[in-house]
Amino acid sequence: MSAIAWISVCSLAVWMWLLLGQGFFWRTDQRLPPRAAPGSWPSVAVVVPARDEAGVLPLSLPSLLAQDYPGEAEILLVDDGSSDGTGELAAQLSAHHGGLPLTVVSPGEPEPGWTGKLWAVRYGIARARARGPEYLLLTDADIAHAPDSLRQLVSAAGTAGLDLVSQMARLRVASFWERQVVPAFVYFFAQLYPFRWINRPGGRTAAAAGGCVLLRTEAAERARIPESIRQAVIDDVSLARAVQRSGGRIWLGLAEGVDSVRPYPQLGDLWRMVSRSAYAQLRHSLLLLTGTVLGLALIYLAPPVTLVAGLLFRDTPAAWAGGLAWLVMAGTYVPMLRYYRQSPLLGLALPFTALLYLLMTVDSAVQHYRGRGAAWKGRTYSRPVAEPDAGGAQDAMRGPDLPPGAAQDL
């Protein structure tokens, strides 16, 4: 066979392995496990780190204030040095809407060795622990919750004996670029961290979605959260791994009734979100970056390229293998597109989206070597730590190189 045919056959073989051997990552049926109301509802402290979030708080905070939770619950919004009146707006929204009690606190500037969000989470958890809650709900300022969200999370944790329950919020898909990039973000994340592997008892794969994490306070103390992951830029995966290593049971699935309200109308908005820490996922290794680029090219770009080349040069094996690989790729993407209520035809555009993620990852490396590191909301971390345990990422990946940008919290 020709070299093009060999490339197409290799790509098809990889896709058949991904279809059957990567934890059925492409399925979207991992939702909250069976749950029953507890005899008595445990107390919960909701910790919301917020930095310059005045634009989204009116859409998200009222949903937390309106939680229909039968037990004792309160909200601590940690105003992390905002310059847009985030704290004042939160207090006004609380006074207007009522509901769960809200306290706005401020942690001051991060101490050396802490990333900004985790510094805010640390302060919020410390304030919450003084009140002795049984659970902590860590949720981002751009996440809107259905009225029964907290009740469902606590019921699931108690019924299944889980120490960490996390839901991947349904992200906004309104603009052209959001439709192109956002469903693929969740698809890539699930490919890198298959939810079934995370959720099986005794599994070694660990991940969480930082926008919605219910954490048993006892488990947080046992895992020394967040001190043990204080330098992590990809904090949600690090948090789940710390809980799992300390003996806790974790669960991650797709959400119903937990939605991100943050808009990403332009490609540049999404580009900055992914590229800010994609190179950290590769532990700032040029070798891993090279492998990732080659892996992405073989898995996502080779199928359409070899199909077209096979047709142009009348190379039947290349055309058939490339076309089949492209169809398998598109087919595995369809369930995620349906979850996001998008046309299945977008599955055929996945190679183009993967090319964007490849370029975002390379740009992340370029920014790192220019000294900008992982930048977020006016703060720059020159040498962030992607994971507390470098070997753990390999446990999750057991397969070909996957998009590192998928491990970010979008």
Protein backbone atom coordinates (compact mmCIF):
# COMPACT_ATOMS: atom_id res chain seq x y z
CA MET A 1 0.00 0.00 0.00
CA SER A 2 0.99 3.61 -0.42
CA ALA A 3 2.17 5.79 2.46
CA ILE A 4 -1.15 7.68 2.37
CA ALA A 5 -3.05 4.41 2.65
CA TRP A 6 -0.95 3.31 5.64
CA ILE A 7 -1.68 6.61 7.39
CA SER A 8 -5.40 6.28 6.75
CA VAL A 9 -5.43 2.67 7.99
CA CYS A 10 -3.56 3.66 11.15
CA SER A 11 -6.04 6.47 11.77
CA LEU A 12 -8.97 4.09 11.27
CA ALA A 13 -7.42 1.59 13.69
CA VAL A 14 -7.05 4.30 16.32
CA TRP A 15 -10.67 5.35 15.88
CA MET A 16 -11.90 1.78 16.25
CA TRP A 17 -9.94 1.56 19.49
CA LEU A 18 -11.37 4.87 20.70
CA LEU A 19 -14.87 3.73 19.79
CA LEU A 20 -14.65 0.53 21.84
CA GLY A 21 -11.72 0.82 24.22
CA GLN A 22 -11.76 4.32 25.72
CA GLY A 23 -14.56 3.84 28.25
CA PHE A 24 -17.33 4.54 25.72
CA PHE A 25 -16.41 8.21 26.26
CA TRP A 26 -18.71 9.29 23.44
CA ARG A 27 -21.89 8.27 25.21
CA THR A 28 -23.75 10.96 27.16
CA ASP A 29 -25.69 8.79 29.61
CA GLN A 30 -23.63 9.50 32.73
CA ARG A 31 -26.11 11.59 34.71
CA LEU A 32 -26.70 11.86 38.45
CA PRO A 33 -26.91 8.36 39.97
CA PRO A 34 -30.12 7.05 41.60
CA ARG A 35 -30.95 9.07 44.68
CA ALA A 36 -33.35 9.15 47.60
CA ALA A 37 -34.15 11.89 50.08
CA PRO A 38 -32.16 11.50 53.32
CA GLY A 39 -33.89 11.19 56.68
CA SER A 40 -32.42 14.53 57.69
CA TRP A 41 -30.88 17.00 55.27
CA PRO A 42 -27.20 17.83 55.96
CA SER A 43 -25.99 21.42 56.18
CA VAL A 44 -24.29 22.90 53.12
CA ALA A 45 -22.07 25.92 52.51
CA VAL A 46 -21.99 27.18 48.93
CA VAL A 47 -18.62 28.77 48.10
CA VAL A 48 -18.53 31.04 45.02
CA PRO A 49 -15.13 32.49 44.02
CA ALA A 50 -15.73 35.62 41.95
CA ARG A 51 -13.37 38.07 40.27
CA ASP A 52 -14.85 40.81 38.07
CA GLU A 53 -18.10 38.91 37.52
CA ALA A 54 -20.62 41.77 37.58
CA GLY A 55 -21.62 40.95 34.01
CA VAL A 56 -22.88 37.44 34.80
CA LEU A 57 -23.96 37.61 38.46
CA PRO A 58 -27.50 38.89 37.70
CA LEU A 59 -28.02 35.72 35.63
CA SER A 60 -26.42 33.23 38.03
CA LEU A 61 -26.57 34.36 41.65
CA PRO A 62 -30.40 34.57 41.88
CA SER A 63 -30.53 30.87 40.97
CA LEU A 64 -28.39 30.02 44.01
CA LEU A 65 -30.37 32.28 46.29
CA ALA A 66 -33.56 30.52 45.14
CA GLN A 67 -32.40 26.97 45.92
CA ASP A 68 -35.25 24.81 47.21
CA TYR A 69 -33.15 23.02 49.82
CA PRO A 70 -34.89 21.52 52.88
CA GLY A 71 -31.82 21.69 55.12
CA GLU A 72 -29.57 24.47 56.37
CA ALA A 73 -27.64 26.20 53.60
CA GLU A 74 -25.82 29.47 53.07
CA ILE A 75 -23.78 31.17 50.34
CA LEU A 76 -20.31 32.65 50.73
CA LEU A 77 -19.31 34.75 47.74
CA VAL A 78 -15.56 35.39 47.79
CA ASP A 79 -14.88 38.69 46.03
CA ASP A 80 -11.35 38.11 44.76
CA GLY A 81 -10.11 41.66 44.26
CA SER A 82 -12.79 42.67 41.77
CA SER A 83 -12.65 46.12 40.19
CA ASP A 84 -16.20 46.12 38.77
CA GLY A 85 -18.28 46.14 41.95
CA THR A 86 -18.86 42.37 42.05
CA GLY A 87 -19.20 42.25 45.84
CA GLU A 88 -21.56 45.21 46.04
CA LEU A 89 -23.72 43.83 43.25
CA ALA A 90 -23.94 40.44 44.98
CA ALA A 91 -25.17 42.11 48.18
CA GLN A 92 -27.77 44.07 46.21
CA LEU A 93 -29.02 40.94 44.46
CA SER A 94 -29.33 39.15 47.78
CA ALA A 95 -31.31 42.02 49.29
CA HIS A 96 -33.60 42.12 46.26
CA HIS A 97 -34.21 38.39 45.76
CA GLY A 98 -33.96 37.07 49.30
CA GLY A 99 -33.67 33.29 49.65
CA LEU A 100 -30.56 31.62 51.06
CA PRO A 101 -28.44 33.87 53.28
CA LEU A 102 -25.47 35.41 51.49
CA THR A 103 -22.18 36.63 52.94
CA VAL A 104 -19.66 38.51 50.79
CA VAL A 105 -16.05 38.14 51.92
CA SER A 106 -12.70 39.21 50.48
CA PRO A 107 -9.45 37.22 50.79
CA GLY A 108 -6.94 39.88 49.77
CA GLU A 109 -4.16 39.26 47.28
CA PRO A 110 -2.94 35.66 46.89
CA GLU A 111 0.08 34.60 48.90
CA PRO A 112 3.11 33.29 46.96
CA GLY A 113 2.54 29.75 45.70
CA TRP A 114 -1.22 30.09 45.25
CA THR A 115 -3.21 30.53 42.05
CA GLY A 116 -5.93 33.14 42.33
CA LYS A 117 -9.06 31.00 42.17
CA LEU A 118 -7.75 28.46 44.70
CA TRP A 119 -6.73 31.28 47.02
CA ALA A 120 -10.32 32.51 46.95
CA VAL A 121 -11.64 28.96 47.42
CA ARG A 122 -9.29 28.49 50.38
CA TYR A 123 -10.63 31.60 52.08
CA GLY A 124 -14.23 30.65 51.41
CA ILE A 125 -13.76 27.09 52.70
CA ALA A 126 -12.01 28.36 55.83
CA ARG A 127 -14.91 30.71 56.57
CA ALA A 128 -17.41 27.95 55.86
CA ARG A 129 -15.69 25.39 58.09
CA ALA A 130 -16.12 27.69 61.07
CA ARG A 131 -19.85 27.01 60.73
CA GLY A 132 -19.37 23.23 60.51
CA PRO A 133 -21.25 22.31 57.30
CA GLU A 134 -21.35 18.67 56.28
CA TYR A 135 -20.97 19.52 52.59
CA LEU A 136 -19.35 22.23 50.50
CA LEU A 137 -20.72 23.20 47.10
CA LEU A 138 -17.96 24.81 45.03
CA THR A 139 -19.54 26.57 42.08
CA ASP A 140 -18.35 29.28 39.70
CA ALA A 141 -19.90 32.72 39.49
CA ASP A 142 -21.12 32.11 35.93
CA ILE A 143 -23.09 28.94 36.76
CA ALA A 144 -26.89 29.03 37.04
CA HIS A 145 -28.60 26.22 38.95
CA ALA A 146 -32.12 24.84 38.66
CA PRO A 147 -34.11 25.31 41.91
CA ASP A 148 -33.60 21.67 42.93
CA SER A 149 -29.92 21.44 41.95
CA LEU A 150 -28.49 21.45 45.48
CA ARG A 151 -31.12 19.01 46.70
CA GLN A 152 -30.37 16.58 43.87
CA LEU A 153 -26.60 16.78 44.41
CA VAL A 154 -26.85 16.12 48.14
CA SER A 155 -29.32 13.26 47.60
CA ALA A 156 -27.01 11.63 45.06
CA ALA A 157 -23.97 11.94 47.32
CA GLY A 158 -25.78 10.48 50.31
CA THR A 159 -27.50 7.64 48.46
CA ALA A 160 -24.37 6.45 46.63
CA GLY A 161 -21.91 7.17 49.45
CA LEU A 162 -19.92 9.63 47.37
CA ASP A 163 -17.39 12.12 48.72
CA LEU A 164 -17.36 14.25 45.57
CA VAL A 165 -20.17 14.72 43.08
CA SER A 166 -19.46 16.95 40.09
CA GLN A 167 -21.60 17.91 37.13
CA MET A 168 -20.24 19.24 33.85
CA ALA A 169 -22.37 22.35 33.36
CA ARG A 170 -24.08 22.75 30.03
CA LEU A 171 -22.11 25.52 28.36
CA ARG A 172 -23.58 28.30 26.24
CA VAL A 173 -23.89 27.56 22.50
CA ALA A 174 -25.49 30.60 20.90
CA SER A 175 -22.88 32.10 18.58
CA PHE A 176 -21.32 30.44 15.51
CA TRP A 177 -18.01 29.89 17.26
CA GLU A 178 -19.64 28.55 20.41
CA ARG A 179 -21.40 25.92 18.31
CA GLN A 180 -18.13 24.99 16.65
CA VAL A 181 -15.93 24.85 19.75
CA VAL A 182 -17.99 24.29 22.92
CA PRO A 183 -19.51 20.82 22.32
CA ALA A 184 -16.08 19.66 21.18
CA PHE A 185 -14.60 20.94 24.44
CA VAL A 186 -16.80 18.59 26.46
CA TYR A 187 -16.27 15.78 23.93
CA PHE A 188 -12.49 16.11 24.22
CA PHE A 189 -12.70 16.29 28.01
CA ALA A 190 -14.69 13.06 28.12
CA GLN A 191 -12.23 11.46 25.71
CA LEU A 192 -9.33 12.39 27.96
CA TYR A 193 -11.18 11.48 31.18
CA PRO A 194 -13.92 8.93 30.34
CA PHE A 195 -16.74 9.43 32.82
CA ARG A 196 -17.32 5.69 33.20
CA TRP A 197 -13.72 5.18 34.29
CA ILE A 198 -14.05 8.00 36.81
CA ASN A 199 -17.31 6.69 38.25
CA ARG A 200 -16.47 3.03 38.68
CA PRO A 201 -15.52 2.05 42.26
CA GLY A 202 -11.79 1.56 42.63
CA GLY A 203 -11.01 3.27 39.33
CA ARG A 204 -7.75 5.14 38.80
CA THR A 205 -9.02 7.91 36.52
CA ALA A 206 -9.98 11.11 38.33
CA ALA A 207 -11.50 14.37 37.13
CA ALA A 208 -14.16 16.89 38.07
CA ALA A 209 -15.82 19.89 36.46
CA GLY A 210 -14.89 22.94 38.50
CA GLY A 211 -18.13 24.80 37.85
CA CYS A 212 -20.17 22.45 40.04
CA VAL A 213 -18.51 20.31 42.72
CA LEU A 214 -20.28 19.03 45.83
CA LEU A 215 -17.64 17.96 48.32
CA ARG A 216 -18.05 16.28 51.68
CA THR A 217 -16.30 18.50 54.22
CA GLU A 218 -14.67 15.52 55.92
CA ALA A 219 -13.24 14.40 52.56
CA ALA A 220 -11.92 17.91 51.90
CA GLU A 221 -10.11 17.90 55.24
CA ARG A 222 -8.70 14.42 54.65
CA ALA A 223 -7.39 15.42 51.21
CA ARG A 224 -6.15 18.81 52.50
CA ILE A 225 -8.26 20.74 49.98
CA PRO A 226 -7.28 23.22 48.70
CA GLU A 227 -3.80 23.43 50.28
CA SER A 228 -2.60 20.23 48.59
CA ILE A 229 -3.38 21.64 45.13
CA ARG A 230 -2.63 25.32 45.78
CA GLN A 231 -0.47 25.78 42.64
CA ALA A 232 -2.79 23.95 40.23
CA VAL A 233 -4.06 25.89 37.23
CA ILE A 234 -6.21 22.94 36.15
CA ASP A 235 -7.68 22.84 39.62
CA ASP A 236 -10.76 20.68 39.05
CA VAL A 237 -8.83 17.62 37.88
CA SER A 238 -6.28 18.12 40.65
CA LEU A 239 -9.04 18.39 43.26
CA ALA A 240 -10.67 15.13 42.15
CA ARG A 241 -7.34 13.32 42.11
CA ALA A 242 -6.51 14.52 45.63
CA VAL A 243 -9.87 13.30 46.95
CA GLN A 244 -9.48 9.96 45.21
CA ARG A 245 -5.92 9.46 46.48
CA SER A 246 -7.08 10.09 50.04
CA GLY A 247 -9.61 7.27 49.77
CA GLY A 248 -12.68 9.24 48.69
CA ARG A 249 -15.24 8.13 46.12
CA ILE A 250 -15.81 10.53 43.23
CA TRP A 251 -18.38 10.88 40.47
CA LEU A 252 -18.61 13.06 37.35
CA GLY A 253 -21.39 13.34 34.79
CA LEU A 254 -23.23 15.67 32.45
CA ALA A 255 -25.66 18.11 33.99
CA GLU A 256 -29.34 18.77 33.65
CA GLY A 257 -30.28 22.09 35.22
CA VAL A 258 -26.72 23.37 35.73
CA ASP A 259 -25.82 25.87 33.00
CA SER A 260 -23.03 28.30 32.28
CA VAL A 261 -24.29 31.77 31.43
CA ARG A 262 -20.92 33.15 30.34
CA PRO A 263 -20.92 34.16 26.67
CA TYR A 264 -18.00 33.46 24.31
CA PRO A 265 -19.31 35.21 21.19
CA GLN A 266 -16.00 35.48 19.32
CA LEU A 267 -13.31 32.95 18.48
CA GLY A 268 -10.79 35.07 20.37
CA ASP A 269 -12.75 34.64 23.62
CA LEU A 270 -12.67 30.86 23.29
CA TRP A 271 -9.06 30.90 22.11
CA ARG A 272 -7.87 32.74 25.22
CA MET A 273 -9.88 30.45 27.47
CA VAL A 274 -8.26 27.30 26.13
CA SER A 275 -4.76 28.56 25.41
CA ARG A 276 -4.30 30.15 28.83
CA SER A 277 -3.32 26.82 30.38
CA ALA A 278 -3.23 24.16 27.65
CA TYR A 279 0.58 23.95 27.85
CA ALA A 280 0.35 23.42 31.61
CA GLN A 281 -1.59 20.21 30.90
CA LEU A 282 1.48 19.05 28.95
CA ARG A 283 3.69 19.89 31.95
CA HIS A 284 5.53 22.47 29.80
CA SER A 285 7.23 19.68 27.85
CA LEU A 286 8.23 20.23 24.23
CA LEU A 287 8.34 16.46 23.79
CA LEU A 288 4.72 16.09 24.94
CA LEU A 289 3.73 19.06 22.78
CA THR A 290 5.28 17.43 19.71
CA GLY A 291 3.57 14.12 20.47
CA THR A 292 0.24 15.87 20.97
CA VAL A 293 0.49 17.73 17.65
CA LEU A 294 1.38 14.53 15.80
CA GLY A 295 -1.35 12.61 17.59
CA LEU A 296 -3.99 15.20 16.77
CA ALA A 297 -2.88 15.21 13.15
CA LEU A 298 -3.13 11.42 12.88
CA ILE A 299 -6.44 11.08 14.71
CA TYR A 300 -8.42 14.11 13.52
CA LEU A 301 -6.77 15.59 10.44
CA ALA A 302 -5.63 12.45 8.60
CA PRO A 303 -9.12 11.03 7.85
CA PRO A 304 -10.39 13.89 5.65
CA VAL A 305 -6.95 14.56 4.17
CA THR A 306 -6.36 10.92 3.18
CA LEU A 307 -9.92 10.61 1.85
CA VAL A 308 -9.41 13.59 -0.47
CA ALA A 309 -5.90 12.44 -1.43
CA GLY A 310 -7.18 8.93 -2.11
CA LEU A 311 -9.88 10.26 -4.41
CA LEU A 312 -7.50 12.61 -6.23
CA PHE A 313 -4.78 9.99 -6.77
CA ARG A 314 -7.17 7.06 -7.21
CA ASP A 315 -5.78 5.34 -4.13
CA THR A 316 -8.76 3.19 -3.19
CA PRO A 317 -7.45 1.85 0.17
CA ALA A 318 -6.56 5.36 1.33
CA ALA A 319 -9.95 6.74 0.33
CA TRP A 320 -11.91 3.90 1.96
CA ALA A 321 -9.94 3.89 5.23
CA GLY A 322 -9.91 7.69 5.45
CA GLY A 323 -13.62 7.92 4.75
CA LEU A 324 -14.49 5.22 7.32
CA ALA A 325 -12.31 6.87 9.96
CA TRP A 326 -14.03 10.21 9.33
CA LEU A 327 -17.46 8.58 9.64
CA VAL A 328 -16.53 6.87 12.92
CA MET A 329 -15.18 10.17 14.24
CA ALA A 330 -18.33 12.05 13.27
CA GLY A 331 -20.54 9.30 14.66
CA THR A 332 -18.90 9.40 18.08
CA TYR A 333 -19.49 13.17 18.17
CA VAL A 334 -23.23 12.96 17.43
CA PRO A 335 -24.38 12.12 21.00
CA MET A 336 -22.62 15.22 22.34
CA LEU A 337 -24.12 17.36 19.58
CA ARG A 338 -27.55 16.05 20.50
CA TYR A 339 -26.92 16.84 24.16
CA TYR A 340 -26.21 20.41 23.06
CA ARG A 341 -29.20 20.38 20.71
CA GLN A 342 -27.04 20.93 17.64
CA SER A 343 -27.24 19.45 14.16
CA PRO A 344 -25.52 16.06 13.77
CA LEU A 345 -24.01 17.41 10.56
CA LEU A 346 -21.58 19.40 12.72
CA GLY A 347 -19.87 16.07 13.37
CA LEU A 348 -18.31 16.29 9.93
CA ALA A 349 -16.64 19.57 10.97
CA LEU A 350 -14.84 17.98 13.94
CA PRO A 351 -11.47 17.86 12.09
CA PHE A 352 -11.66 21.65 11.63
CA THR A 353 -12.45 22.12 15.33
CA ALA A 354 -9.59 19.81 16.30
CA LEU A 355 -7.26 21.91 14.15
CA LEU A 356 -8.35 24.97 16.15
CA TYR A 357 -7.54 23.17 19.41
CA LEU A 358 -4.16 22.15 18.00
CA LEU A 359 -3.36 25.77 17.17
CA MET A 360 -4.59 26.94 20.59
CA THR A 361 -2.24 24.45 22.27
CA VAL A 362 0.75 25.57 20.20
CA ASP A 363 -0.13 29.19 21.00
CA SER A 364 -0.23 28.30 24.71
CA ALA A 365 3.34 27.04 24.44
CA VAL A 366 4.42 30.15 22.54
CA GLN A 367 2.91 32.41 25.22
CA HIS A 368 4.66 30.41 27.92
CA TYR A 369 8.08 30.85 26.34
CA ARG A 370 7.37 34.54 25.88
CA GLY A 371 7.04 34.75 29.67
CA ARG A 372 3.29 35.23 29.84
CA GLY A 373 2.53 31.81 31.29
CA ALA A 374 -1.06 31.07 32.27
CA ALA A 375 -2.86 34.41 32.36
CA TRP A 376 -6.35 34.88 33.77
CA LYS A 377 -8.29 38.01 34.76
CA GLY A 378 -5.25 40.22 35.08
CA ARG A 379 -3.04 37.66 36.85
CA THR A 380 -0.19 35.75 35.22
CA TYR A 381 1.29 32.51 36.55
CA SER A 382 4.70 32.06 35.02
CA ARG A 383 5.20 28.42 35.94
CA PRO A 384 1.88 26.83 36.88
CA VAL A 385 1.59 23.24 38.03
CA ALA A 386 -0.79 21.30 35.81
CA GLU A 387 -1.22 18.25 38.02
CA PRO A 388 0.05 17.34 41.49
CA ASP A 389 0.96 13.86 40.23
CA ALA A 390 2.59 13.75 36.82
CA GLY A 391 2.01 10.03 36.48
CA GLY A 392 -1.70 10.35 37.06
CA ALA A 393 -2.31 11.99 33.72
CA GLN A 394 -0.94 8.91 31.99
CA ASP A 395 -3.34 6.70 33.93
CA ALA A 396 -6.18 8.71 32.47
CA MET A 397 -4.84 8.72 28.94
CA ARG A 398 -3.89 5.07 28.18
CA GLY A 399 -4.31 5.86 24.53
CA PRO A 400 -3.20 8.23 21.78
CA ASP A 401 -2.53 11.89 22.37
CA LEU A 402 -5.69 13.88 23.02
CA PRO A 403 -6.35 17.63 23.02
CA PRO A 404 -4.78 19.09 26.18
CA GLY A 405 -7.04 22.09 26.01
CA ALA A 406 -9.93 19.83 26.91
CA ALA A 407 -8.77 19.70 30.50
CA GLN A 408 -9.50 23.36 31.11
CA ASP A 409 -12.46 24.74 32.99
CA LEU A 410 -14.37 26.60 30.30
